[in-house]
PDB file of N, CA and C in Angstrom:
ATOM      1  N   MET A   1      18.007   8.240  17.993  1.00  0.00           N
ATOM      2  CA  MET A   1      17.026   7.438  18.124  1.00  0.00           C
ATOM      3  C   MET A   1      15.581   7.664  18.935  1.00  0.00           C
ATOM      4  N   THR A   2      14.322   7.492  18.260  1.00  0.00           N
ATOM      5  CA  THR A   2      13.218   7.905  18.857  1.00  0.00           C
ATOM      6  C   THR A   2      13.124   7.021  20.239  1.00  0.00           C
ATOM      7  N   ASP A   3      12.112   7.451  20.768  1.00  0.00           N
ATOM      8  CA  ASP A   3      11.663   6.564  21.739  1.00  0.00           C
ATOM      9  C   ASP A   3      11.093   5.226  21.408  1.00  0.00           C
ATOM     10  N   LEU A   4      10.495   5.282  20.361  1.00  0.00           N
ATOM     11  CA  LEU A   4       9.848   3.874  19.693  1.00  0.00           C
ATOM     12  C   LEU A   4      10.809   3.562  18.895  1.00  0.00           C
ATOM     13  N   MET A   5      11.778   3.604  18.085  1.00  0.00           N
ATOM     14  CA  MET A   5      12.842   2.967  17.922  1.00  0.00           C
ATOM     15  C   MET A   5      14.010   2.299  19.112  1.00  0.00           C
ATOM     16  N   ARG A   6      13.981   3.027  20.272  1.00  0.00           N
ATOM     17  CA  ARG A   6      14.779   2.556  21.418  1.00  0.00           C
ATOM     18  C   ARG A   6      13.796   1.207  21.943  1.00  0.00           C
ATOM     19  N   ALA A   7      12.869   1.524  22.033  1.00  0.00           N
ATOM     20  CA  ALA A   7      11.688   0.573  22.813  1.00  0.00           C
ATOM     21  C   ALA A   7      11.666  -1.133  21.986  1.00  0.00           C
ATOM     22  N   LEU A   8      11.916  -0.762  20.337  1.00  0.00           N
ATOM     23  CA  LEU A   8      11.899  -1.680  19.988  1.00  0.00           C
ATOM     24  C   LEU A   8      13.515  -2.453  19.571  1.00  0.00           C
ATOM     25  N   TYR A   9      14.318  -1.392  19.665  1.00  0.00           N
ATOM     26  CA  TYR A   9      16.030  -1.961  19.814  1.00  0.00           C
ATOM     27  C   TYR A   9      15.869  -3.023  21.176  1.00  0.00           C
ATOM     28  N   ASN A  10      15.533  -2.351  21.955  1.00  0.00           N
ATOM     29  CA  ASN A  10      15.572  -2.898  23.072  1.00  0.00           C
ATOM     30  C   ASN A  10      14.616  -4.262  23.286  1.00  0.00           C
ATOM     31  N   PHE A  11      13.873  -4.263  22.570  1.00  0.00           N
ATOM     32  CA  PHE A  11      12.645  -5.679  22.550  1.00  0.00           C
ATOM     33  C   PHE A  11      13.547  -6.378  22.061  1.00  0.00           C
ATOM     34  N   THR A  12      13.796  -6.189  21.176  1.00  0.00           N
ATOM     35  CA  THR A  12      14.803  -7.099  19.863  1.00  0.00           C
ATOM     36  C   THR A  12      15.984  -7.641  20.173  1.00  0.00           C
ATOM     37  N   GLU A  13      16.709  -6.879  21.511  1.00  0.00           N
ATOM     38  CA  GLU A  13      17.859  -7.140  21.990  1.00  0.00           C
ATOM     39  C   GLU A  13      17.799  -8.052  22.835  1.00  0.00           C
ATOM     40  N   GLU A  14      16.712  -7.640  23.863  1.00  0.00           N
ATOM     41  CA  GLU A  14      16.288  -8.824  24.797  1.00  0.00           C
ATOM     42  C   GLU A  14      15.788 -10.288  24.107  1.00  0.00           C
ATOM     43  N   GLN A  15      15.195 -10.256  23.066  1.00  0.00           N
ATOM     44  CA  GLN A  15      14.501 -11.331  22.667  1.00  0.00           C
ATOM     45  C   GLN A  15      15.205 -12.230  21.604  1.00  0.00           C
ATOM     46  N   ASN A  16      16.369 -11.588  20.739  1.00  0.00           N
ATOM     47  CA  ASN A  16      16.527 -12.476  19.366  1.00  0.00           C
ATOM     48  C   ASN A  16      18.298 -12.208  19.530  1.00  0.00           C
ATOM     49  N   LEU A  17      18.739 -11.138  20.288  1.00  0.00           N
ATOM     50  CA  LEU A  17      20.135 -11.022  20.478  1.00  0.00           C
ATOM     51  C   LEU A  17      20.891 -12.086  20.649  1.00  0.00           C
ATOM     52  N   GLU A  18      20.375 -12.838  21.692  1.00  0.00           N
ATOM     53  CA  GLU A  18      21.303 -13.849  22.493  1.00  0.00           C
ATOM     54  C   GLU A  18      21.316 -15.130  21.566  1.00  0.00           C
ATOM     55  N   LYS A  19      20.515 -15.384  20.883  1.00  0.00           N
ATOM     56  CA  LYS A  19      20.049 -16.339  19.822  1.00  0.00           C
ATOM     57  C   LYS A  19      21.510 -16.477  18.779  1.00  0.00           C
ATOM     58  N   SER A  20      21.818 -15.180  18.522  1.00  0.00           N
ATOM     59  CA  SER A  20      23.167 -14.673  17.615  1.00  0.00           C
ATOM     60  C   SER A  20      24.273 -15.591  18.436  1.00  0.00           C
ATOM     61  N   PHE A  21      24.558 -15.299  19.559  1.00  0.00           N
ATOM     62  CA  PHE A  21      25.724 -15.416  20.306  1.00  0.00           C
ATOM     63  C   PHE A  21      25.716 -16.946  20.729  1.00  0.00           C
ATOM     64  N   LEU A  22      24.897 -17.847  20.041  1.00  0.00           N
ATOM     65  CA  LEU A  22      24.944 -19.314  20.212  1.00  0.00           C
ATOM     66  C   LEU A  22      25.540 -19.636  19.374  1.00  0.00           C
ATOM     67  N   ASP A  23      25.917 -18.719  17.943  1.00  0.00           N
ATOM     68  CA  ASP A  23      26.597 -19.192  16.799  1.00  0.00           C
ATOM     69  C   ASP A  23      27.786 -19.757  17.018  1.00  0.00           C
ATOM     70  N   ARG A  24      28.299 -20.708  16.381  1.00  0.00           N
ATOM     71  CA  ARG A  24      29.481 -21.616  16.488  1.00  0.00           C
ATOM     72  C   ARG A  24      30.789 -20.575  16.025  1.00  0.00           C
ATOM     73  N   GLU A  25      30.387 -19.740  15.110  1.00  0.00           N
ATOM     74  CA  GLU A  25      31.354 -18.700  14.722  1.00  0.00           C
ATOM     75  C   GLU A  25      31.961 -17.827  15.723  1.00  0.00           C
ATOM     76  N   TYR A  26      30.517 -16.960  16.293  1.00  0.00           N
ATOM     77  CA  TYR A  26      30.838 -16.232  17.481  1.00  0.00           C
ATOM     78  C   TYR A  26      31.320 -16.925  18.569  1.00  0.00           C
ATOM     79  N   THR A  27      31.253 -17.879  19.036  1.00  0.00           N
ATOM     80  CA  THR A  27      31.871 -18.766  20.117  1.00  0.00           C
ATOM     81  C   THR A  27      33.401 -18.597  19.896  1.00  0.00           C
ATOM     82  N   LYS A  28      33.582 -19.071  18.691  1.00  0.00           N
ATOM     83  CA  LYS A  28      34.959 -19.575  18.142  1.00  0.00           C
ATOM     84  C   LYS A  28      35.722 -17.932  18.291  1.00  0.00           C
ATOM     85  N   TYR A  29      35.324 -17.452  17.549  1.00  0.00           N
ATOM     86  CA  TYR A  29      35.892 -15.839  17.670  1.00  0.00           C
ATOM     87  C   TYR A  29      36.079 -14.923  19.233  1.00  0.00           C
ATOM     88  N   ARG A  30      35.068 -15.127  19.606  1.00  0.00           N
ATOM     89  CA  ARG A  30      35.015 -14.928  21.155  1.00  0.00           C
ATOM     90  C   ARG A  30      35.787 -15.137  22.004  1.00  0.00           C
ATOM     91  N   ALA A  31      36.126 -16.818  21.817  1.00  0.00           N
ATOM     92  CA  ALA A  31      37.055 -17.498  22.959  1.00  0.00           C
ATOM     93  C   ALA A  31      38.532 -17.437  22.384  1.00  0.00           C
ATOM     94  N   SER A  32      38.762 -16.855  21.178  1.00  0.00           N
ATOM     95  CA  SER A  32      39.969 -16.783  20.547  1.00  0.00           C
ATOM     96  C   SER A  32      40.525 -15.174  21.095  1.00  0.00           C
ATOM     97  N   ALA A  33      39.503 -14.339  21.466  1.00  0.00           N
ATOM     98  CA  ALA A  33      39.887 -12.970  21.706  1.00  0.00           C
ATOM     99  C   ALA A  33      40.019 -13.134  23.347  1.00  0.00           C
ATOM    100  N   TYR A  34      39.418 -13.671  23.773  1.00  0.00           N
ATOM    101  CA  TYR A  34      39.565 -14.120  25.180  1.00  0.00           C
ATOM    102  C   TYR A  34      40.867 -14.523  25.621  1.00  0.00           C
ATOM    103  N   GLN A  35      41.406 -15.417  24.969  1.00  0.00           N
ATOM    104  CA  GLN A  35      42.412 -16.043  25.024  1.00  0.00           C
ATOM    105  C   GLN A  35      43.912 -15.058  25.048  1.00  0.00           C
ATOM    106  N   ARG A  36      43.609 -14.679  23.720  1.00  0.00           N
ATOM    107  CA  ARG A  36      44.708 -13.511  23.527  1.00  0.00           C
ATOM    108  C   ARG A  36      44.863 -12.302  24.461  1.00  0.00           C
ATOM    109  N   PHE A  37      43.777 -11.945  24.868  1.00  0.00           N
ATOM    110  CA  PHE A  37      43.793 -11.030  26.365  1.00  0.00           C
ATOM    111  C   PHE A  37      44.455 -11.531  27.211  1.00  0.00           C
ATOM    112  N   GLU A  38      44.071 -13.055  27.383  1.00  0.00           N
ATOM    113  CA  GLU A  38      44.859 -13.247  28.778  1.00  0.00           C
ATOM    114  C   GLU A  38      46.053 -13.850  28.545  1.00  0.00           C
ATOM    115  N   LYS A  39      46.553 -13.872  27.467  1.00  0.00           N
ATOM    116  CA  LYS A  39      48.220 -14.246  26.958  1.00  0.00           C
ATOM    117  C   LYS A  39      48.575 -13.065  27.343  1.00  0.00           C
ATOM    118  N   LEU A  40      48.307 -11.886  26.527  1.00  0.00           N
ATOM    119  CA  LEU A  40      48.720 -10.554  26.588  1.00  0.00           C
ATOM    120  C   LEU A  40      49.231  -9.942  28.090  1.00  0.00           C
ATOM    121  N   THR A  41      47.947 -10.531  28.843  1.00  0.00           N
ATOM    122  CA  THR A  41      47.807  -9.884  30.275  1.00  0.00           C
ATOM    123  C   THR A  41      49.058 -10.380  31.074  1.00  0.00           C
ATOM    124  N   ALA A  42      48.546 -11.647  30.874  1.00  0.00           N
ATOM    125  CA  ALA A  42      49.781 -12.503  31.521  1.00  0.00           C
ATOM    126  C   ALA A  42      51.463 -12.502  31.370  1.00  0.00           C
ATOM    127  N   GLU A  43      51.474 -12.300  30.593  1.00  0.00           N
ATOM    128  CA  GLU A  43      53.018 -12.027  29.463  1.00  0.00           C
ATOM    129  C   GLU A  43      53.401 -10.613  29.852  1.00  0.00           C
ATOM    130  N   TYR A  44      52.341  -9.490  29.817  1.00  0.00           N
ATOM    131  CA  TYR A  44      52.715  -8.163  30.071  1.00  0.00           C
ATOM    132  C   TYR A  44      51.874  -7.615  30.847  1.00  0.00           C
ATOM    133  N   PRO A  45      52.080  -7.780  32.432  1.00  0.00           N
ATOM    134  CA  PRO A  45      50.896  -7.491  33.161  1.00  0.00           C
ATOM    135  C   PRO A  45      50.484  -5.995  33.924  1.00  0.00           C
ATOM    136  N   GLN A  46      51.788  -5.051  32.957  1.00  0.00           N
ATOM    137  CA  GLN A  46      51.579  -3.725  33.013  1.00  0.00           C
ATOM    138  C   GLN A  46      50.722  -3.258  32.192  1.00  0.00           C
ATOM    139  N   LEU A  47      50.075  -4.228  30.916  1.00  0.00           N
ATOM    140  CA  LEU A  47      49.286  -3.477  29.995  1.00  0.00           C
ATOM    141  C   LEU A  47      47.717  -4.104  30.081  1.00  0.00           C
ATOM    142  N   MET A  48      47.473  -4.729  31.583  1.00  0.00           N
ATOM    143  CA  MET A  48      46.379  -4.830  31.912  1.00  0.00           C
ATOM    144  C   MET A  48      45.186  -3.772  31.720  1.00  0.00           C
ATOM    145  N   ARG A  49      45.426  -2.375  32.473  1.00  0.00           N
ATOM    146  CA  ARG A  49      44.486  -1.731  32.441  1.00  0.00           C
ATOM    147  C   ARG A  49      44.496  -1.094  30.921  1.00  0.00           C
ATOM    148  N   PRO A  50      45.397  -0.825  30.346  1.00  0.00           N
ATOM    149  CA  PRO A  50      45.201   0.093  28.974  1.00  0.00           C
ATOM    150  C   PRO A  50      44.622  -1.204  28.240  1.00  0.00           C
ATOM    151  N   LEU A  51      44.565  -2.157  28.435  1.00  0.00           N
ATOM    152  CA  LEU A  51      43.944  -3.073  27.436  1.00  0.00           C
ATOM    153  C   LEU A  51      42.782  -3.223  27.900  1.00  0.00           C
ATOM    154  N   ASP A  52      42.360  -3.376  28.721  1.00  0.00           N
ATOM    155  CA  ASP A  52      40.650  -3.238  29.432  1.00  0.00           C
ATOM    156  C   ASP A  52      40.234  -2.030  28.978  1.00  0.00           C
ATOM    157  N   ASP A  53      40.793  -1.032  29.256  1.00  0.00           N
ATOM    158  CA  ASP A  53      40.159   0.310  28.976  1.00  0.00           C
ATOM    159  C   ASP A  53      40.028   0.179  27.219  1.00  0.00           C
ATOM    160  N   LEU A  54      41.072  -0.142  26.484  1.00  0.00           N
ATOM    161  CA  LEU A  54      40.701  -0.814  25.110  1.00  0.00           C
ATOM    162  C   LEU A  54      39.338  -1.657  24.760  1.00  0.00           C
ATOM    163  N   VAL A  55      39.608  -2.451  25.456  1.00  0.00           N
ATOM    164  CA  VAL A  55      38.410  -3.244  25.226  1.00  0.00           C
ATOM    165  C   VAL A  55      37.006  -2.681  25.346  1.00  0.00           C
ATOM    166  N   SER A  56      36.794  -2.189  26.370  1.00  0.00           N
ATOM    167  CA  SER A  56      35.783  -1.639  26.990  1.00  0.00           C
ATOM    168  C   SER A  56      35.479  -0.195  25.922  1.00  0.00           C
ATOM    169  N   ASP A  57      36.413   0.353  25.219  1.00  0.00           N
ATOM    170  CA  ASP A  57      35.751   1.420  24.087  1.00  0.00           C
ATOM    171  C   ASP A  57      35.769   0.550  22.899  1.00  0.00           C
ATOM    172  N   LEU A  58      36.172  -0.560  22.462  1.00  0.00           N
ATOM    173  CA  LEU A  58      35.903  -1.475  21.585  1.00  0.00           C
ATOM    174  C   LEU A  58      34.001  -1.626  21.264  1.00  0.00           C
ATOM    175  N   ASN A  59      34.158  -2.428  23.076  1.00  0.00           N
ATOM    176  CA  ASN A  59      32.757  -2.811  22.969  1.00  0.00           C
ATOM    177  C   ASN A  59      31.420  -1.517  23.018  1.00  0.00           C
ATOM    178  N   ALA A  60      31.938  -0.721  23.475  1.00  0.00           N
ATOM    179  CA  ALA A  60      30.907   0.711  23.222  1.00  0.00           C
ATOM    180  C   ALA A  60      30.953   0.883  21.839  1.00  0.00           C
ATOM    181  N   CYS A  61      32.019   0.715  20.833  1.00  0.00           N
ATOM    182  CA  CYS A  61      31.995   1.248  19.519  1.00  0.00           C
ATOM    183  C   CYS A  61      31.034  -0.168  18.828  1.00  0.00           C
ATOM    184  N   CYS A  62      31.152  -1.120  19.423  1.00  0.00           N
ATOM    185  CA  CYS A  62      30.229  -2.078  18.577  1.00  0.00           C
ATOM    186  C   CYS A  62      28.649  -1.861  18.904  1.00  0.00           C
ATOM    187  N   ALA A  63      28.270  -1.430  20.284  1.00  0.00           N
ATOM    188  CA  ALA A  63      27.286  -1.433  20.888  1.00  0.00           C
ATOM    189  C   ALA A  63      26.582   0.072  19.645  1.00  0.00           C
ATOM    190  N   TYR A  64      27.444   1.029  19.711  1.00  0.00           N
ATOM    191  CA  TYR A  64      26.521   1.790  18.665  1.00  0.00           C
ATOM    192  C   TYR A  64      26.497   1.433  17.472  1.00  0.00           C
ATOM    193  N   GLU A  65      27.462   0.719  16.693  1.00  0.00           N
ATOM    194  CA  GLU A  65      27.171  -0.082  15.341  1.00  0.00           C
ATOM    195  C   GLU A  65      26.040  -0.826  15.268  1.00  0.00           C
ATOM    196  N   GLN A  66      25.950  -1.835  16.393  1.00  0.00           N
ATOM    197  CA  GLN A  66      24.421  -2.538  16.092  1.00  0.00           C
ATOM    198  C   GLN A  66      23.362  -1.392  16.285  1.00  0.00           C
ATOM    199  N   GLU A  67      23.321  -0.482  16.830  1.00  0.00           N
ATOM    200  CA  GLU A  67      22.079   0.574  16.988  1.00  0.00           C
ATOM    201  C   GLU A  67      21.981   1.171  15.723  1.00  0.00           C
ATOM    202  N   ALA A  68      23.202   1.794  15.062  1.00  0.00           N
ATOM    203  CA  ALA A  68      23.143   2.246  13.892  1.00  0.00           C
ATOM    204  C   ALA A  68      22.373   1.411  12.930  1.00  0.00           C
ATOM    205  N   ALA A  69      23.138   0.233  12.578  1.00  0.00           N
ATOM    206  CA  ALA A  69      22.552  -1.063  12.126  1.00  0.00           C
ATOM    207  C   ALA A  69      21.192  -1.412  12.152  1.00  0.00           C
ATOM    208  N   PHE A  70      20.780  -1.207  13.448  1.00  0.00           N
ATOM    209  CA  PHE A  70      18.960  -1.318  13.633  1.00  0.00           C
ATOM    210  C   PHE A  70      18.544  -0.422  12.876  1.00  0.00           C
ATOM    211  N   GLN A  71      18.902   1.090  13.285  1.00  0.00           N
ATOM    212  CA  GLN A  71      18.168   2.058  12.797  1.00  0.00           C
ATOM    213  C   GLN A  71      18.034   2.383  11.295  1.00  0.00           C
ATOM    214  N   VAL A  72      19.387   1.774  10.542  1.00  0.00           N
ATOM    215  CA  VAL A  72      19.004   1.771   9.174  1.00  0.00           C
ATOM    216  C   VAL A  72      18.209   0.683   8.447  1.00  0.00           C
ATOM    217  N   GLY A  73      18.105  -0.549   9.381  1.00  0.00           N
ATOM    218  CA  GLY A  73      17.207  -1.642   9.107  1.00  0.00           C
ATOM    219  C   GLY A  73      15.378  -1.095   9.321  1.00  0.00           C
ATOM    220  N   PHE A  74      15.722  -0.547  10.574  1.00  0.00           N
ATOM    221  CA  PHE A  74      14.322   0.339  10.890  1.00  0.00           C
ATOM    222  C   PHE A  74      13.861   1.147   9.727  1.00  0.00           C
ATOM    223  N   LEU A  75      14.827   1.973   9.212  1.00  0.00           N
ATOM    224  CA  LEU A  75      14.294   2.992   8.298  1.00  0.00           C
ATOM    225  C   LEU A  75      13.823   2.287   6.890  1.00  0.00           C
ATOM    226  N   LEU A  76      14.582   1.211   6.476  1.00  0.00           N
ATOM    227  CA  LEU A  76      14.745   0.814   5.209  1.00  0.00           C
ATOM    228  C   LEU A  76      12.954  -0.021   5.354  1.00  0.00           C
ATOM    229  N   ARG A  77      12.833  -0.595   6.320  1.00  0.00           N
ATOM    230  CA  ARG A  77      11.673  -1.318   6.314  1.00  0.00           C
ATOM    231  C   ARG A  77      10.508  -0.295   6.170  1.00  0.00           C
ATOM    232  N   GLY A  78      10.625   0.812   6.612  1.00  0.00           N
ATOM    233  CA  GLY A  78       9.285   1.817   6.410  1.00  0.00           C
ATOM    234  C   GLY A  78       9.562   1.998   4.893  1.00  0.00           C
ATOM    235  N   GLU A  79      10.458   2.391   4.215  1.00  0.00           N
ATOM    236  CA  GLU A  79      10.833   2.606   2.831  1.00  0.00           C
ATOM    237  C   GLU A  79      10.481   1.830   2.179  1.00  0.00           C
ATOM    238  N   LEU A  80      10.523   0.460   2.509  1.00  0.00           N
ATOM    239  CA  LEU A  80       9.779  -0.483   1.568  1.00  0.00           C
ATOM    240  C   LEU A  80       8.349  -0.855   1.910  1.00  0.00           C
ATOM    241  N   GLY A  81       8.155  -0.734   2.500  1.00  0.00           N
ATOM    242  CA  GLY A  81       6.513  -0.584   3.260  1.00  0.00           C
ATOM    243  C   GLY A  81       5.773   0.411   2.175  1.00  0.00           C
ATOM    244  N   ARG A  82       6.531   1.653   2.198  1.00  0.00           N
ATOM    245  CA  ARG A  82       5.914   2.428   1.418  1.00  0.00           C
ATOM    246  C   ARG A  82       5.855   2.097   0.128  1.00  0.00           C
ATOM    247  N   ILE A  83       7.095   1.606  -0.540  1.00  0.00           N
ATOM    248  CA  ILE A  83       7.294   1.282  -1.765  1.00  0.00           C
ATOM    249  C   ILE A  83       6.179   0.187  -1.958  1.00  0.00           C
ATOM    250  N   GLN A  84       5.940  -0.702  -1.231  1.00  0.00           N
ATOM    251  CA  GLN A  84       4.828  -2.084  -1.462  1.00  0.00           C
ATOM    252  C   GLN A  84       3.756  -1.654  -1.639  1.00  0.00           C
ATOM    253  N   SER A  85       2.993  -0.710  -1.143  1.00  0.00           N
ATOM    254  CA  SER A  85       2.167  -0.341  -0.884  1.00  0.00           C
ATOM    255  C   SER A  85       1.745   0.462  -2.181  1.00  0.00           C
ATOM    256  N   GLY A  86       2.673   1.421  -2.280  1.00  0.00           N
ATOM    257  CA  GLY A  86       2.730   2.115  -3.730  1.00  0.00           C
ATOM    258  C   GLY A  86       2.465   1.421  -5.104  1.00  0.00           C
ATOM    259  N   TYR A  87       2.955   0.246  -4.792  1.00  0.00           N
ATOM    260  CA  TYR A  87       2.731  -0.513  -6.200  1.00  0.00           C
ATOM    261  C   TYR A  87       1.959  -1.536  -6.018  1.00  0.00           C
ATOM    262  N   SER A  88       1.152  -1.805  -5.012  1.00  0.00           N
ATOM    263  CA  SER A  88       0.297  -2.665  -4.556  1.00  0.00           C
ATOM    264  C   SER A  88      -1.166  -2.207  -5.318  1.00  0.00           C
ATOM    265  N   SER A  89      -1.377  -0.765  -5.336  1.00  0.00           N
ATOM    266  CA  SER A  89      -2.523  -0.346  -5.934  1.00  0.00           C
ATOM    267  C   SER A  89      -2.408  -0.566  -7.229  1.00  0.00           C
ATOM    268  N   LEU A  90      -1.034  -0.699  -8.124  1.00  0.00           N
ATOM    269  CA  LEU A  90      -1.029  -0.430  -9.196  1.00  0.00           C
ATOM    270  C   LEU A  90      -1.309  -2.073  -9.830  1.00  0.00           C
ATOM    271  N   PHE A  91      -1.709  -2.831  -9.005  1.00  0.00           N
ATOM    272  CA  PHE A  91      -2.276  -4.364  -9.488  1.00  0.00           C
ATOM    273  C   PHE A  91      -3.474  -5.083  -8.608  1.00  0.00           C
ATOM    274  N   LEU A  92      -4.029  -3.723  -8.471  1.00  0.00           N
ATOM    275  CA  LEU A  92      -5.603  -4.337  -8.066  1.00  0.00           C
ATOM    276  C   LEU A  92      -6.849  -4.365  -9.096  1.00  0.00           C
TER     277      LEU A  92
END
């Protein structure tokens, strides 16, 4: 990710990403995952560390997926802008 893309990603993440977390569906899935984690670690305390490590790895994967999706959207926006400017000259 270029410095510009990183700055835009950070801005977008700080300004807009939290709004997505207010969504009812996200809240439902997050609560369900937390309850399952708690249930498993209560029933099998020896799994606490391996499950915690697994969740950390999955969170890191999700973060990379979000960054990749942002990069694709960023590049797609640039391509669409070039296409739009190329066709706009046809209609002047």
